[in-house]
Amino acid sequence: PAADGAVSIQVPAGAAVNIGANGNTASNTLSLTYDGTAPAVTSVNVPADGIYNNGKVLSFTVHYSENVTVSGTPSLDVVIGTATQQAVYTGGSGTNALTFSYTVQNGDMDMDGIALGTALALNGGTAKDAAGNNALLTLANAGSTAGVLVNTATPGVAISTAAVSPVNQPFTVTATFTEAVTGFTAGDMAITNTTVSNLQSADNITYTMLVT
């Protein structure tokens, strides 16, 4: 075939003659479709912008120019910080949209945006169209991942005071976190025989409170 598309072939009437000079009748027509073009990636959907912590799922969809049938377990490289993780294939065989996902693990950290690898990995499997053409693996037109952040760090905290025991009046306690936090209130303190009030912070890292 000269190009992708419909192909037909027929023996017309009179193309050949027998010993009596009688021309043949027209044959039936064979009609097929020729597809010599490999499926190519047209775009990649990426997770929504946000901060993903331990156990959250990063989901990706790889769109092809035509339906692709998958065997085996292909994967998609996801660069998180300095480590390359694999988003595993989760479905889509027989369609033009293959899905992949990666579950964030404790220790993953990337606060300036994850990145994608340059191509899918078949890992010994196959990805073909209906004509048997091997799908191209190079990724194209991926969405921006600059806002897809990963943070599994657990903030530490230490408390201190300048007061010397025993005390005979209210005293100030300082709680210092290892990074900026939110949601911390005086009611979160575990206390005995006292009350905590006047919780203040200028940077969400160092907090002071009055212990009475």
N, C-alpha and C. Protein backbone atom coordinates (compact mmCIF):
# COMPACT_ATOMS: atom_id res chain seq x y z
N PRO A 1 0.82 -1.21 0.00
CA PRO A 1 0.00 0.00 0.00
C PRO A 1 0.86 1.27 0.00
N ALA A 2 0.33 2.28 -0.67
CA ALA A 2 1.10 3.52 -0.82
C ALA A 2 0.95 4.44 0.37
N ALA A 3 -0.16 4.34 1.09
CA ALA A 3 -0.40 5.23 2.22
C ALA A 3 -1.45 4.62 3.13
N ASP A 4 -1.51 5.12 4.36
CA ASP A 4 -2.54 4.64 5.28
C ASP A 4 -3.92 4.90 4.70
N GLY A 5 -4.83 3.97 4.94
CA GLY A 5 -6.20 4.16 4.50
C GLY A 5 -6.77 2.91 3.86
N ALA A 6 -7.87 3.08 3.15
CA ALA A 6 -8.56 1.95 2.53
C ALA A 6 -7.76 1.41 1.35
N VAL A 7 -7.74 0.10 1.23
CA VAL A 7 -7.08 -0.58 0.12
C VAL A 7 -8.10 -1.55 -0.49
N SER A 8 -8.23 -1.53 -1.82
CA SER A 8 -9.13 -2.49 -2.48
C SER A 8 -8.42 -3.06 -3.71
N ILE A 9 -8.78 -4.27 -4.03
CA ILE A 9 -8.18 -4.93 -5.19
C ILE A 9 -9.20 -5.87 -5.81
N GLN A 10 -9.21 -5.88 -7.19
CA GLN A 10 -10.18 -6.69 -7.94
C GLN A 10 -9.59 -7.06 -9.28
N VAL A 11 -9.99 -8.22 -9.81
CA VAL A 11 -9.68 -8.59 -11.19
C VAL A 11 -10.88 -8.18 -12.04
N PRO A 12 -10.72 -7.19 -12.90
CA PRO A 12 -11.88 -6.74 -13.69
C PRO A 12 -12.23 -7.74 -14.79
N ALA A 13 -13.42 -7.58 -15.34
CA ALA A 13 -13.85 -8.43 -16.44
C ALA A 13 -12.93 -8.24 -17.65
N GLY A 14 -12.64 -9.33 -18.33
CA GLY A 14 -11.85 -9.25 -19.54
C GLY A 14 -10.37 -9.09 -19.33
N ALA A 15 -9.90 -9.25 -18.11
CA ALA A 15 -8.47 -9.11 -17.86
C ALA A 15 -7.69 -10.29 -18.45
N ALA A 16 -8.35 -11.40 -18.60
CA ALA A 16 -7.70 -12.59 -19.16
C ALA A 16 -8.72 -13.34 -20.02
N VAL A 17 -8.22 -14.12 -20.94
CA VAL A 17 -9.10 -14.90 -21.82
C VAL A 17 -8.69 -16.37 -21.77
N ASN A 18 -9.67 -17.22 -22.07
CA ASN A 18 -9.36 -18.64 -22.12
C ASN A 18 -9.04 -19.04 -23.55
N ILE A 19 -8.90 -20.32 -23.77
CA ILE A 19 -8.50 -20.81 -25.09
C ILE A 19 -9.48 -20.44 -26.18
N GLY A 20 -10.72 -20.19 -25.76
CA GLY A 20 -11.74 -19.79 -26.74
C GLY A 20 -11.86 -18.29 -26.89
N ALA A 21 -10.91 -17.56 -26.36
CA ALA A 21 -10.90 -16.10 -26.43
C ALA A 21 -12.05 -15.45 -25.66
N ASN A 22 -12.54 -16.18 -24.67
CA ASN A 22 -13.60 -15.63 -23.83
C ASN A 22 -12.99 -14.95 -22.61
N GLY A 23 -13.36 -13.70 -22.41
CA GLY A 23 -12.83 -12.97 -21.26
C GLY A 23 -13.44 -13.42 -19.95
N ASN A 24 -12.67 -13.27 -18.91
CA ASN A 24 -13.16 -13.67 -17.58
C ASN A 24 -14.23 -12.71 -17.09
N THR A 25 -15.00 -13.20 -16.14
CA THR A 25 -15.93 -12.32 -15.44
C THR A 25 -15.17 -11.53 -14.38
N ALA A 26 -15.79 -10.46 -13.92
CA ALA A 26 -15.16 -9.66 -12.85
C ALA A 26 -15.13 -10.46 -11.56
N SER A 27 -14.05 -10.32 -10.84
CA SER A 27 -13.93 -11.00 -9.55
C SER A 27 -14.64 -10.21 -8.45
N ASN A 28 -14.70 -10.83 -7.31
CA ASN A 28 -15.11 -10.07 -6.12
C ASN A 28 -14.03 -9.04 -5.78
N THR A 29 -14.36 -8.10 -4.89
CA THR A 29 -13.41 -7.07 -4.47
C THR A 29 -12.97 -7.32 -3.04
N LEU A 30 -11.66 -7.35 -2.85
CA LEU A 30 -11.12 -7.42 -1.50
C LEU A 30 -10.92 -6.00 -0.97
N SER A 31 -11.41 -5.74 0.23
CA SER A 31 -11.27 -4.42 0.84
C SER A 31 -10.62 -4.55 2.22
N LEU A 32 -9.51 -3.87 2.41
CA LEU A 32 -8.79 -3.88 3.68
C LEU A 32 -8.41 -2.45 4.05
N THR A 33 -7.95 -2.31 5.27
CA THR A 33 -7.43 -1.01 5.71
C THR A 33 -5.95 -1.16 6.00
N TYR A 34 -5.15 -0.27 5.45
CA TYR A 34 -3.71 -0.30 5.69
C TYR A 34 -3.36 0.71 6.77
N ASP A 35 -2.60 0.25 7.75
CA ASP A 35 -2.11 1.13 8.82
C ASP A 35 -0.65 0.80 9.04
N GLY A 36 0.21 1.65 8.56
CA GLY A 36 1.64 1.45 8.73
C GLY A 36 2.28 2.46 9.67
N THR A 37 1.43 3.22 10.36
CA THR A 37 1.92 4.29 11.23
C THR A 37 1.84 3.86 12.69
N ALA A 38 2.94 3.97 13.39
CA ALA A 38 2.97 3.59 14.80
C ALA A 38 2.21 4.61 15.64
N PRO A 39 1.48 4.15 16.66
CA PRO A 39 0.81 5.09 17.57
C PRO A 39 1.85 5.95 18.29
N ALA A 40 1.53 7.23 18.45
CA ALA A 40 2.45 8.15 19.13
C ALA A 40 1.73 8.83 20.28
N VAL A 41 2.48 9.19 21.31
CA VAL A 41 1.91 9.91 22.45
C VAL A 41 1.57 11.33 22.02
N THR A 42 0.33 11.74 22.27
CA THR A 42 -0.09 13.09 21.89
C THR A 42 -0.09 14.05 23.08
N SER A 43 -0.30 13.51 24.29
CA SER A 43 -0.29 14.37 25.48
C SER A 43 -0.24 13.50 26.73
N VAL A 44 0.12 14.13 27.85
CA VAL A 44 0.16 13.44 29.14
C VAL A 44 -0.52 14.31 30.18
N ASN A 45 -1.57 13.77 30.79
CA ASN A 45 -2.21 14.48 31.91
C ASN A 45 -1.44 14.17 33.19
N VAL A 46 -1.24 15.19 34.02
CA VAL A 46 -0.48 15.05 35.26
C VAL A 46 -1.38 15.37 36.45
N PRO A 47 -0.95 15.06 37.68
CA PRO A 47 -1.78 15.36 38.85
C PRO A 47 -2.05 16.85 39.00
N ALA A 48 -3.13 17.16 39.69
CA ALA A 48 -3.46 18.55 39.97
C ALA A 48 -2.41 19.16 40.88
N ASP A 49 -2.20 20.46 40.74
CA ASP A 49 -1.25 21.16 41.63
C ASP A 49 -1.65 20.96 43.09
N GLY A 50 -0.67 20.82 43.94
CA GLY A 50 -0.93 20.66 45.36
C GLY A 50 0.25 20.00 46.03
N ILE A 51 0.13 19.82 47.35
CA ILE A 51 1.17 19.13 48.13
C ILE A 51 0.65 17.74 48.48
N TYR A 52 1.40 16.73 48.07
CA TYR A 52 1.01 15.34 48.29
C TYR A 52 1.89 14.74 49.38
N ASN A 53 1.25 14.16 50.40
CA ASN A 53 2.02 13.57 51.49
C ASN A 53 1.91 12.04 51.46
N ASN A 54 2.45 11.40 52.47
CA ASN A 54 2.54 9.94 52.51
C ASN A 54 1.18 9.27 52.28
N GLY A 55 1.13 8.36 51.30
CA GLY A 55 -0.10 7.63 51.01
C GLY A 55 -0.96 8.25 49.94
N LYS A 56 -0.70 9.50 49.56
CA LYS A 56 -1.48 10.13 48.49
C LYS A 56 -1.02 9.58 47.14
N VAL A 57 -1.94 9.59 46.17
CA VAL A 57 -1.67 8.97 44.87
C VAL A 57 -1.46 10.04 43.80
N LEU A 58 -0.37 9.89 43.05
CA LEU A 58 -0.11 10.73 41.88
C LEU A 58 -0.58 9.96 40.66
N SER A 59 -1.54 10.53 39.93
CA SER A 59 -2.15 9.84 38.78
C SER A 59 -1.78 10.53 37.47
N PHE A 60 -1.49 9.71 36.46
CA PHE A 60 -1.09 10.21 35.15
C PHE A 60 -1.90 9.48 34.06
N THR A 61 -2.20 10.19 32.98
CA THR A 61 -2.86 9.57 31.82
C THR A 61 -2.06 9.90 30.57
N VAL A 62 -1.62 8.86 29.86
CA VAL A 62 -0.85 9.03 28.62
C VAL A 62 -1.80 8.81 27.45
N HIS A 63 -1.98 9.84 26.63
CA HIS A 63 -2.90 9.78 25.49
C HIS A 63 -2.13 9.45 24.21
N TYR A 64 -2.66 8.47 23.45
CA TYR A 64 -2.06 8.07 22.18
C TYR A 64 -2.91 8.55 21.01
N SER A 65 -2.29 8.52 19.84
CA SER A 65 -2.97 8.97 18.62
C SER A 65 -4.01 7.97 18.14
N GLU A 66 -4.00 6.75 18.67
CA GLU A 66 -5.00 5.73 18.35
C GLU A 66 -5.03 4.71 19.48
N ASN A 67 -5.98 3.81 19.41
CA ASN A 67 -6.10 2.80 20.46
C ASN A 67 -4.86 1.90 20.50
N VAL A 68 -4.48 1.54 21.72
CA VAL A 68 -3.29 0.72 21.94
C VAL A 68 -3.66 -0.45 22.86
N THR A 69 -3.20 -1.63 22.48
CA THR A 69 -3.40 -2.82 23.32
C THR A 69 -2.10 -3.12 24.06
N VAL A 70 -2.21 -3.26 25.37
CA VAL A 70 -1.04 -3.41 26.24
C VAL A 70 -1.00 -4.82 26.81
N SER A 71 0.20 -5.40 26.82
CA SER A 71 0.43 -6.63 27.58
C SER A 71 1.59 -6.38 28.52
N GLY A 72 1.57 -7.03 29.67
CA GLY A 72 2.63 -6.80 30.65
C GLY A 72 2.32 -5.60 31.52
N THR A 73 3.35 -5.06 32.13
CA THR A 73 3.19 -3.96 33.10
C THR A 73 4.15 -2.82 32.79
N PRO A 74 3.81 -1.98 31.83
CA PRO A 74 4.66 -0.82 31.55
C PRO A 74 4.67 0.14 32.74
N SER A 75 5.59 1.06 32.72
CA SER A 75 5.68 2.03 33.81
C SER A 75 6.11 3.39 33.27
N LEU A 76 5.93 4.39 34.12
CA LEU A 76 6.26 5.78 33.79
C LEU A 76 7.18 6.30 34.87
N ASP A 77 8.36 6.80 34.47
CA ASP A 77 9.31 7.34 35.44
C ASP A 77 8.81 8.67 36.00
N VAL A 78 8.88 8.80 37.32
CA VAL A 78 8.52 10.04 38.00
C VAL A 78 9.70 10.45 38.88
N VAL A 79 10.24 11.63 38.62
CA VAL A 79 11.40 12.10 39.38
C VAL A 79 10.89 12.93 40.55
N ILE A 80 11.16 12.43 41.77
CA ILE A 80 10.75 13.11 43.00
C ILE A 80 12.03 13.46 43.77
N GLY A 81 12.34 14.73 43.81
CA GLY A 81 13.61 15.15 44.39
C GLY A 81 14.75 14.63 43.54
N THR A 82 15.64 13.86 44.13
CA THR A 82 16.75 13.29 43.37
C THR A 82 16.52 11.82 43.04
N ALA A 83 15.38 11.28 43.41
CA ALA A 83 15.08 9.86 43.19
C ALA A 83 14.09 9.69 42.05
N THR A 84 14.28 8.63 41.28
CA THR A 84 13.35 8.30 40.21
C THR A 84 12.49 7.13 40.65
N GLN A 85 11.18 7.35 40.71
CA GLN A 85 10.23 6.31 41.08
C GLN A 85 9.44 5.89 39.84
N GLN A 86 8.73 4.76 39.93
CA GLN A 86 7.96 4.27 38.79
C GLN A 86 6.45 4.33 39.10
N ALA A 87 5.75 5.07 38.26
CA ALA A 87 4.29 5.04 38.30
C ALA A 87 3.85 3.80 37.52
N VAL A 88 3.08 2.93 38.15
CA VAL A 88 2.73 1.65 37.54
C VAL A 88 1.49 1.79 36.67
N TYR A 89 1.44 0.93 35.65
CA TYR A 89 0.30 0.91 34.72
C TYR A 89 -0.94 0.40 35.45
N THR A 90 -2.04 1.13 35.31
CA THR A 90 -3.28 0.74 36.00
C THR A 90 -4.44 0.43 35.06
N GLY A 91 -4.31 0.70 33.77
CA GLY A 91 -5.40 0.34 32.87
C GLY A 91 -5.43 1.16 31.59
N GLY A 92 -6.40 0.82 30.73
CA GLY A 92 -6.59 1.55 29.49
C GLY A 92 -6.29 0.76 28.25
N SER A 93 -5.87 -0.50 28.37
CA SER A 93 -5.58 -1.31 27.18
C SER A 93 -6.80 -1.39 26.28
N GLY A 94 -6.58 -1.21 24.98
CA GLY A 94 -7.68 -1.20 24.02
C GLY A 94 -8.26 0.18 23.77
N THR A 95 -7.76 1.19 24.49
CA THR A 95 -8.19 2.57 24.28
C THR A 95 -6.97 3.42 23.93
N ASN A 96 -7.20 4.71 23.74
CA ASN A 96 -6.07 5.60 23.45
C ASN A 96 -5.59 6.35 24.69
N ALA A 97 -6.02 5.91 25.88
CA ALA A 97 -5.64 6.58 27.12
C ALA A 97 -5.17 5.54 28.13
N LEU A 98 -3.87 5.51 28.40
CA LEU A 98 -3.31 4.58 29.37
C LEU A 98 -3.07 5.31 30.69
N THR A 99 -3.44 4.68 31.79
CA THR A 99 -3.33 5.33 33.10
C THR A 99 -2.22 4.70 33.93
N PHE A 100 -1.59 5.56 34.73
CA PHE A 100 -0.48 5.16 35.59
C PHE A 100 -0.64 5.86 36.94
N SER A 101 -0.13 5.24 38.00
CA SER A 101 -0.22 5.89 39.31
C SER A 101 0.99 5.54 40.17
N TYR A 102 1.31 6.46 41.07
CA TYR A 102 2.37 6.25 42.05
C TYR A 102 1.86 6.70 43.41
N THR A 103 2.00 5.85 44.42
CA THR A 103 1.60 6.19 45.77
C THR A 103 2.81 6.75 46.52
N VAL A 104 2.66 7.97 47.02
CA VAL A 104 3.76 8.64 47.72
C VAL A 104 4.17 7.83 48.95
N GLN A 105 5.48 7.63 49.08
CA GLN A 105 6.04 6.84 50.18
C GLN A 105 6.73 7.75 51.19
N ASN A 106 6.79 7.27 52.43
CA ASN A 106 7.49 8.01 53.46
C ASN A 106 8.95 8.24 53.03
N GLY A 107 9.40 9.46 53.12
CA GLY A 107 10.75 9.82 52.68
C GLY A 107 10.80 10.54 51.36
N ASP A 108 9.73 10.42 50.55
CA ASP A 108 9.67 11.19 49.30
C ASP A 108 9.59 12.67 49.63
N MET A 109 10.35 13.47 48.89
CA MET A 109 10.38 14.91 49.17
C MET A 109 10.73 15.67 47.91
N ASP A 110 9.88 16.61 47.53
CA ASP A 110 10.15 17.46 46.37
C ASP A 110 9.26 18.69 46.47
N MET A 111 9.83 19.80 46.91
CA MET A 111 9.05 21.00 47.10
C MET A 111 9.27 22.04 46.01
N ASP A 112 9.90 21.63 44.88
CA ASP A 112 9.99 22.55 43.75
C ASP A 112 9.38 21.93 42.49
N GLY A 113 8.57 20.90 42.65
CA GLY A 113 7.86 20.32 41.51
C GLY A 113 8.49 19.03 41.02
N ILE A 114 7.69 17.97 40.95
CA ILE A 114 8.18 16.70 40.42
C ILE A 114 8.44 16.83 38.92
N ALA A 115 9.02 15.80 38.32
CA ALA A 115 9.28 15.80 36.88
C ALA A 115 8.98 14.41 36.33
N LEU A 116 8.77 14.34 35.02
CA LEU A 116 8.54 13.06 34.36
C LEU A 116 9.78 12.64 33.59
N GLY A 117 9.93 11.33 33.40
CA GLY A 117 10.95 10.82 32.51
C GLY A 117 10.61 11.17 31.07
N THR A 118 11.42 10.71 30.15
CA THR A 118 11.22 11.07 28.74
C THR A 118 10.42 10.04 27.96
N ALA A 119 10.27 8.83 28.52
CA ALA A 119 9.60 7.77 27.76
C ALA A 119 9.00 6.73 28.70
N LEU A 120 8.00 6.02 28.21
CA LEU A 120 7.46 4.88 28.94
C LEU A 120 8.46 3.73 28.89
N ALA A 121 8.39 2.86 29.89
CA ALA A 121 9.19 1.63 29.90
C ALA A 121 8.23 0.45 29.78
N LEU A 122 8.47 -0.46 28.83
CA LEU A 122 7.58 -1.60 28.63
C LEU A 122 7.86 -2.74 29.60
N ASN A 123 9.06 -2.79 30.15
CA ASN A 123 9.42 -3.82 31.13
C ASN A 123 9.14 -5.23 30.63
N GLY A 124 9.47 -5.46 29.36
CA GLY A 124 9.29 -6.78 28.78
C GLY A 124 7.93 -7.01 28.15
N GLY A 125 7.01 -6.08 28.30
CA GLY A 125 5.68 -6.20 27.71
C GLY A 125 5.62 -5.59 26.33
N THR A 126 4.42 -5.39 25.83
CA THR A 126 4.22 -4.79 24.51
C THR A 126 3.11 -3.76 24.56
N ALA A 127 3.13 -2.88 23.57
CA ALA A 127 2.05 -1.91 23.36
C ALA A 127 1.92 -1.74 21.85
N LYS A 128 0.80 -2.18 21.29
CA LYS A 128 0.63 -2.20 19.83
C LYS A 128 -0.75 -1.69 19.45
N ASP A 129 -0.85 -1.21 18.20
CA ASP A 129 -2.16 -0.87 17.68
C ASP A 129 -2.79 -2.11 17.03
N ALA A 130 -3.99 -1.94 16.45
CA ALA A 130 -4.71 -3.08 15.88
C ALA A 130 -3.99 -3.71 14.71
N ALA A 131 -3.12 -2.94 14.03
CA ALA A 131 -2.37 -3.46 12.89
C ALA A 131 -1.07 -4.13 13.32
N GLY A 132 -0.77 -4.09 14.61
CA GLY A 132 0.46 -4.70 15.10
C GLY A 132 1.65 -3.77 15.13
N ASN A 133 1.45 -2.48 14.85
CA ASN A 133 2.56 -1.53 14.95
C ASN A 133 2.91 -1.28 16.41
N ASN A 134 4.19 -1.34 16.73
CA ASN A 134 4.63 -1.05 18.09
C ASN A 134 4.43 0.43 18.41
N ALA A 135 3.81 0.70 19.54
CA ALA A 135 3.58 2.09 19.95
C ALA A 135 4.90 2.77 20.27
N LEU A 136 5.02 4.02 19.86
CA LEU A 136 6.18 4.81 20.25
C LEU A 136 6.08 5.13 21.74
N LEU A 137 7.21 5.20 22.41
CA LEU A 137 7.21 5.34 23.87
C LEU A 137 7.58 6.74 24.36
N THR A 138 8.08 7.57 23.45
CA THR A 138 8.51 8.92 23.84
C THR A 138 7.32 9.77 24.26
N LEU A 139 7.43 10.42 25.41
CA LEU A 139 6.35 11.26 25.91
C LEU A 139 6.37 12.63 25.20
N ALA A 140 5.19 13.19 25.03
CA ALA A 140 5.07 14.49 24.38
C ALA A 140 3.93 15.28 25.02
N ASN A 141 4.09 16.59 25.03
CA ASN A 141 3.04 17.50 25.49
C ASN A 141 2.53 17.16 26.89
N ALA A 142 3.45 16.92 27.80
CA ALA A 142 3.07 16.65 29.19
C ALA A 142 2.67 17.95 29.87
N GLY A 143 1.69 17.86 30.75
CA GLY A 143 1.29 19.03 31.51
C GLY A 143 2.39 19.47 32.47
N SER A 144 2.28 20.69 32.96
CA SER A 144 3.28 21.22 33.88
C SER A 144 3.17 20.54 35.24
N THR A 145 4.33 20.17 35.79
CA THR A 145 4.37 19.57 37.13
C THR A 145 5.05 20.50 38.14
N ALA A 146 5.23 21.75 37.76
CA ALA A 146 5.92 22.70 38.65
C ALA A 146 5.18 22.89 39.96
N GLY A 147 3.86 22.71 39.94
CA GLY A 147 3.06 22.90 41.15
C GLY A 147 2.68 21.61 41.83
N VAL A 148 3.22 20.48 41.34
CA VAL A 148 2.94 19.18 41.97
C VAL A 148 4.07 18.90 42.96
N LEU A 149 3.80 19.12 44.23
CA LEU A 149 4.82 19.06 45.27
C LEU A 149 4.60 17.83 46.15
N VAL A 150 5.69 17.32 46.69
CA VAL A 150 5.64 16.15 47.57
C VAL A 150 6.35 16.49 48.87
N ASN A 151 5.66 16.23 49.99
CA ASN A 151 6.25 16.52 51.29
C ASN A 151 5.80 15.46 52.29
N THR A 152 6.73 14.61 52.70
CA THR A 152 6.42 13.59 53.72
C THR A 152 7.21 13.83 54.99
N ALA A 153 7.86 14.99 55.09
CA ALA A 153 8.65 15.29 56.28
C ALA A 153 7.74 15.46 57.51
N THR A 154 8.15 14.92 58.64
CA THR A 154 7.40 15.06 59.89
C THR A 154 8.07 16.13 60.74
N PRO A 155 7.39 17.24 61.02
CA PRO A 155 8.04 18.31 61.79
C PRO A 155 8.32 17.86 63.23
N GLY A 156 9.50 18.20 63.71
CA GLY A 156 9.83 17.97 65.10
C GLY A 156 9.54 19.23 65.92
N VAL A 157 9.50 19.07 67.23
CA VAL A 157 9.22 20.22 68.09
C VAL A 157 9.89 20.01 69.45
N ALA A 158 10.38 21.10 70.02
CA ALA A 158 10.96 21.08 71.36
C ALA A 158 10.41 22.27 72.13
N ILE A 159 10.19 22.09 73.44
CA ILE A 159 9.70 23.19 74.27
C ILE A 159 10.77 23.54 75.30
N SER A 160 10.78 24.81 75.68
CA SER A 160 11.77 25.29 76.64
C SER A 160 11.19 26.46 77.42
N THR A 161 11.83 26.78 78.50
CA THR A 161 11.44 27.94 79.30
C THR A 161 12.66 28.48 80.03
N ALA A 162 12.61 29.78 80.31
CA ALA A 162 13.67 30.41 81.11
C ALA A 162 13.36 30.32 82.60
N ALA A 163 12.14 29.86 82.92
CA ALA A 163 11.75 29.76 84.33
C ALA A 163 12.54 28.66 85.03
N VAL A 164 12.80 28.87 86.32
CA VAL A 164 13.53 27.90 87.14
C VAL A 164 12.58 27.33 88.18
N SER A 165 12.54 26.03 88.28
CA SER A 165 11.66 25.37 89.24
C SER A 165 12.29 25.39 90.64
N PRO A 166 11.52 25.63 91.68
CA PRO A 166 10.07 25.83 91.68
C PRO A 166 9.70 27.27 91.29
N VAL A 167 8.47 27.45 90.76
CA VAL A 167 8.00 28.78 90.35
C VAL A 167 6.88 29.22 91.28
N ASN A 168 6.63 30.50 91.32
CA ASN A 168 5.53 31.01 92.15
C ASN A 168 4.66 32.00 91.38
N GLN A 169 4.75 31.98 90.05
CA GLN A 169 3.95 32.87 89.21
C GLN A 169 3.87 32.29 87.79
N PRO A 170 2.97 32.80 86.97
CA PRO A 170 2.91 32.33 85.57
C PRO A 170 4.26 32.50 84.88
N PHE A 171 4.53 31.63 83.91
CA PHE A 171 5.82 31.71 83.21
C PHE A 171 5.61 31.43 81.72
N THR A 172 6.59 31.85 80.92
CA THR A 172 6.50 31.71 79.46
C THR A 172 7.22 30.45 79.00
N VAL A 173 6.56 29.73 78.10
CA VAL A 173 7.14 28.54 77.48
C VAL A 173 7.25 28.79 75.97
N THR A 174 8.35 28.36 75.40
CA THR A 174 8.56 28.49 73.95
C THR A 174 8.54 27.11 73.31
N ALA A 175 7.74 26.97 72.25
CA ALA A 175 7.71 25.74 71.45
C ALA A 175 8.34 26.06 70.09
N THR A 176 9.40 25.34 69.75
CA THR A 176 10.12 25.60 68.50
C THR A 176 10.01 24.39 67.58
N PHE A 177 9.37 24.57 66.43
CA PHE A 177 9.21 23.51 65.44
C PHE A 177 10.39 23.53 64.46
N THR A 178 10.61 22.41 63.80
CA THR A 178 11.72 22.32 62.84
C THR A 178 11.37 22.94 61.49
N GLU A 179 10.10 23.26 61.28
CA GLU A 179 9.67 23.95 60.07
C GLU A 179 8.35 24.64 60.35
N ALA A 180 7.91 25.49 59.45
CA ALA A 180 6.65 26.20 59.64
C ALA A 180 5.49 25.22 59.67
N VAL A 181 4.56 25.46 60.61
CA VAL A 181 3.40 24.59 60.76
C VAL A 181 2.14 25.45 60.86
N THR A 182 1.01 24.81 60.70
CA THR A 182 -0.27 25.48 60.90
C THR A 182 -1.16 24.59 61.76
N GLY A 183 -2.20 25.16 62.32
CA GLY A 183 -3.17 24.39 63.09
C GLY A 183 -2.84 24.21 64.55
N PHE A 184 -1.71 24.74 65.01
CA PHE A 184 -1.30 24.57 66.40
C PHE A 184 -2.03 25.57 67.27
N THR A 185 -2.71 25.09 68.33
CA THR A 185 -3.42 25.96 69.26
C THR A 185 -3.01 25.65 70.69
N ALA A 186 -3.36 26.56 71.59
CA ALA A 186 -3.06 26.33 73.01
C ALA A 186 -3.73 25.07 73.52
N GLY A 187 -4.89 24.75 72.96
CA GLY A 187 -5.62 23.56 73.39
C GLY A 187 -4.95 22.26 72.99
N ASP A 188 -3.96 22.33 72.11
CA ASP A 188 -3.24 21.11 71.70
C ASP A 188 -2.22 20.66 72.74
N MET A 189 -1.87 21.52 73.68
CA MET A 189 -0.84 21.18 74.67
C MET A 189 -1.36 20.12 75.64
N ALA A 190 -0.51 19.15 75.97
CA ALA A 190 -0.81 18.19 77.03
C ALA A 190 -0.35 18.79 78.34
N ILE A 191 -1.30 19.09 79.23
CA ILE A 191 -0.96 19.85 80.44
C ILE A 191 -1.48 19.14 81.69
N THR A 192 -0.86 19.47 82.81
CA THR A 192 -1.29 18.97 84.11
C THR A 192 -1.26 20.13 85.11
N ASN A 193 -2.37 20.34 85.81
CA ASN A 193 -2.42 21.31 86.91
C ASN A 193 -2.08 22.72 86.46
N THR A 194 -2.52 23.08 85.25
CA THR A 194 -2.21 24.43 84.76
C THR A 194 -3.13 24.79 83.61
N THR A 195 -3.05 26.00 83.14
CA THR A 195 -3.72 26.44 81.92
C THR A 195 -2.69 27.10 81.01
N VAL A 196 -2.98 27.06 79.71
CA VAL A 196 -2.09 27.67 78.72
C VAL A 196 -2.88 28.73 77.97
N SER A 197 -2.28 29.90 77.79
CA SER A 197 -2.98 30.99 77.11
C SER A 197 -1.99 31.84 76.34
N ASN A 198 -2.54 32.81 75.59
CA ASN A 198 -1.74 33.82 74.89
C ASN A 198 -0.70 33.19 73.95
N LEU A 199 -1.14 32.19 73.17
CA LEU A 199 -0.23 31.55 72.20
C LEU A 199 0.04 32.52 71.05
N GLN A 200 1.33 32.76 70.76
CA GLN A 200 1.70 33.71 69.72
C GLN A 200 2.86 33.18 68.89
N SER A 201 2.89 33.59 67.61
CA SER A 201 4.03 33.26 66.74
C SER A 201 4.12 34.28 65.63
N ALA A 202 5.35 34.64 65.29
CA ALA A 202 5.56 35.59 64.18
C ALA A 202 5.91 34.86 62.89
N ASP A 203 6.31 33.60 62.98
CA ASP A 203 6.78 32.90 61.77
C ASP A 203 6.22 31.48 61.63
N ASN A 204 5.31 31.09 62.54
CA ASN A 204 4.73 29.74 62.54
C ASN A 204 5.78 28.65 62.78
N ILE A 205 6.93 29.05 63.28
CA ILE A 205 7.97 28.09 63.67
C ILE A 205 8.19 28.16 65.18
N THR A 206 8.39 29.37 65.69
CA THR A 206 8.60 29.58 67.12
C THR A 206 7.32 30.17 67.73
N TYR A 207 6.78 29.46 68.72
CA TYR A 207 5.57 29.88 69.40
C TYR A 207 5.88 30.13 70.87
N THR A 208 5.29 31.18 71.42
CA THR A 208 5.38 31.42 72.87
C THR A 208 3.99 31.34 73.45
N MET A 209 3.95 30.93 74.74
CA MET A 209 2.65 30.81 75.42
C MET A 209 2.85 31.08 76.90
N LEU A 210 1.77 31.51 77.52
CA LEU A 210 1.81 31.78 78.95
C LEU A 210 1.22 30.60 79.70
N VAL A 211 2.00 30.05 80.64
CA VAL A 211 1.56 28.91 81.44
C VAL A 211 1.23 29.42 82.84
N THR A 212 -0.01 29.20 83.27
CA THR A 212 -0.48 29.69 84.58
C THR A 212 -0.89 28.49 85.43
